[in-house]
Protein backbone atom coordinates (compact mmCIF):
# COMPACT_ATOMS: atom_id res chain seq x y z
CA MET A 1 -45.45 145.52 -40.03
CA VAL A 2 -44.48 145.81 -36.34
CA LYS A 3 -47.26 144.60 -34.10
CA GLU A 4 -47.75 146.26 -30.74
CA ASN A 5 -46.11 144.21 -27.97
CA ALA A 6 -44.58 141.90 -30.53
CA ARG A 7 -41.14 140.51 -29.85
CA LYS A 8 -40.44 139.88 -33.55
CA LEU A 9 -39.76 143.00 -35.64
CA THR A 10 -39.76 143.09 -39.45
CA TYR A 11 -37.75 145.76 -41.29
CA PRO A 12 -36.94 146.40 -44.94
CA ILE A 13 -33.42 146.08 -46.24
CA ILE A 14 -31.74 146.69 -49.59
CA LEU A 15 -29.32 144.09 -50.85
CA HIS A 16 -26.61 145.38 -53.22
CA HIS A 17 -24.88 142.68 -55.27
CA GLU A 18 -21.17 143.51 -55.19
CA GLU A 19 -18.25 142.11 -57.18
CA ILE A 20 -17.58 139.90 -54.21
CA GLY A 21 -20.61 139.20 -52.05
CA TYR A 22 -23.37 141.53 -50.95
CA SER A 23 -23.67 144.77 -49.07
CA VAL A 24 -26.88 145.51 -47.15
CA GLU A 25 -28.40 148.89 -46.46
CA ILE A 26 -30.85 149.12 -43.56
CA PRO A 27 -32.88 152.36 -44.24
CA ASP A 28 -34.65 152.56 -40.92
CA ILE A 29 -31.54 152.32 -38.82
CA ASP A 30 -29.55 155.55 -39.33
CA GLY A 31 -26.30 154.90 -41.17
CA ALA A 32 -26.55 151.06 -40.88
CA TRP A 33 -24.76 149.04 -43.50
CA THR A 34 -23.14 145.61 -43.47
CA ARG A 35 -21.87 143.04 -45.89
CA GLY A 36 -21.46 139.31 -46.38
CA ILE A 37 -19.83 136.95 -48.82
CA THR A 38 -23.09 135.06 -49.36
CA LYS A 39 -26.63 136.36 -49.40
CA GLU A 40 -27.40 134.29 -46.26
CA GLU A 41 -24.45 135.77 -44.39
CA ALA A 42 -25.46 139.29 -45.43
CA LEU A 43 -29.07 138.78 -44.25
CA ASN A 44 -27.90 137.32 -40.96
CA LYS A 45 -25.59 140.27 -40.35
CA ALA A 46 -28.45 142.67 -41.14
CA LYS A 47 -30.57 140.90 -38.45
CA ASN A 48 -27.71 141.30 -36.00
CA ILE A 49 -27.34 144.97 -36.65
CA ILE A 50 -31.07 145.61 -36.27
CA GLY A 51 -31.25 143.43 -33.11
CA THR A 52 -28.32 145.07 -31.36
CA ALA A 53 -29.24 148.60 -32.42
CA LEU A 54 -32.81 148.31 -31.11
CA ILE A 55 -32.29 146.19 -27.96
CA ASP A 56 -32.23 149.27 -25.66
CA GLN A 57 -34.87 151.29 -27.49
CA SER A 58 -38.05 151.80 -25.57
CA LYS A 59 -39.72 152.61 -28.89
CA CYS A 60 -38.49 151.14 -32.11
CA PRO A 61 -38.58 153.13 -35.38
CA LYS A 62 -41.61 152.40 -37.57
CA PRO A 63 -40.54 150.29 -40.54
CA THR A 64 -40.73 151.93 -43.95
CA PRO A 65 -43.22 150.02 -46.12
CA LEU A 66 -41.35 147.87 -48.64
CA LYS A 67 -43.31 149.50 -51.51
CA ASP A 68 -41.86 152.87 -50.49
CA ILE A 69 -38.23 151.73 -50.78
CA ILE A 70 -36.72 152.93 -54.05
CA LEU A 71 -33.80 151.15 -55.55
CA SER A 72 -31.09 153.46 -56.91
CA SER A 73 -29.98 151.03 -59.56
CA ASN A 74 -30.87 147.85 -61.41
CA ASN A 75 -27.44 146.29 -60.99
CA GLY A 76 -28.75 143.28 -59.13
CA ASP A 77 -30.06 145.29 -56.19
CA ALA A 78 -33.06 143.89 -54.39
CA LYS A 79 -35.38 144.98 -51.61
CA THR A 80 -36.68 142.53 -49.06
CA THR A 81 -37.47 142.26 -45.37
CA VAL A 82 -35.84 140.56 -42.41
CA THR A 83 -37.53 139.52 -39.21
CA VAL A 84 -35.62 139.88 -35.97
CA ASP A 85 -36.49 137.93 -32.79
CA MET A 86 -35.90 140.55 -30.11
CA ASP A 87 -36.28 137.94 -27.35
CA TYR A 88 -33.08 136.32 -28.68
CA TYR A 89 -31.15 139.60 -28.49
CA GLN A 90 -32.53 140.32 -25.00
CA GLN A 91 -31.22 136.91 -23.87
CA LEU A 92 -27.91 137.48 -25.61
CA MET A 93 -27.46 140.83 -23.84
CA SER A 94 -28.48 139.33 -20.46
CA GLY A 95 -25.94 136.59 -20.89
CA LYS A 96 -23.20 139.17 -21.58
CA ALA A 97 -24.14 141.14 -18.46
CA THR A 98 -23.94 137.95 -16.31
CA ARG A 99 -20.50 137.06 -17.64
CA ARG A 100 -19.13 140.51 -16.90
CA LYS A 101 -20.35 140.35 -13.26
CA ASN A 102 -18.58 137.02 -12.74
CA ALA A 103 -15.31 138.00 -14.44
């Protein structure tokens, strides 16, 4: 799923439908979870976690194939993928570094 020298990375996630909103498990990022009120918010937060977690990594973890992800329940849980534009996170981090120097 991750192409060599690619700046867009695709990772699997597990969406858990909660009483209020969604929680998201990111299996390839150790201990990474997030949540959102809407599905869209939850997916965007998952992208942010992946992008910020991997921005300083010289080698990103290999994504688990979606077919290998096993859902623990059928309570509205779903597996899918999100694609993260690492160039965006690189620019975001560069912008933060510039602001700190000028402060």
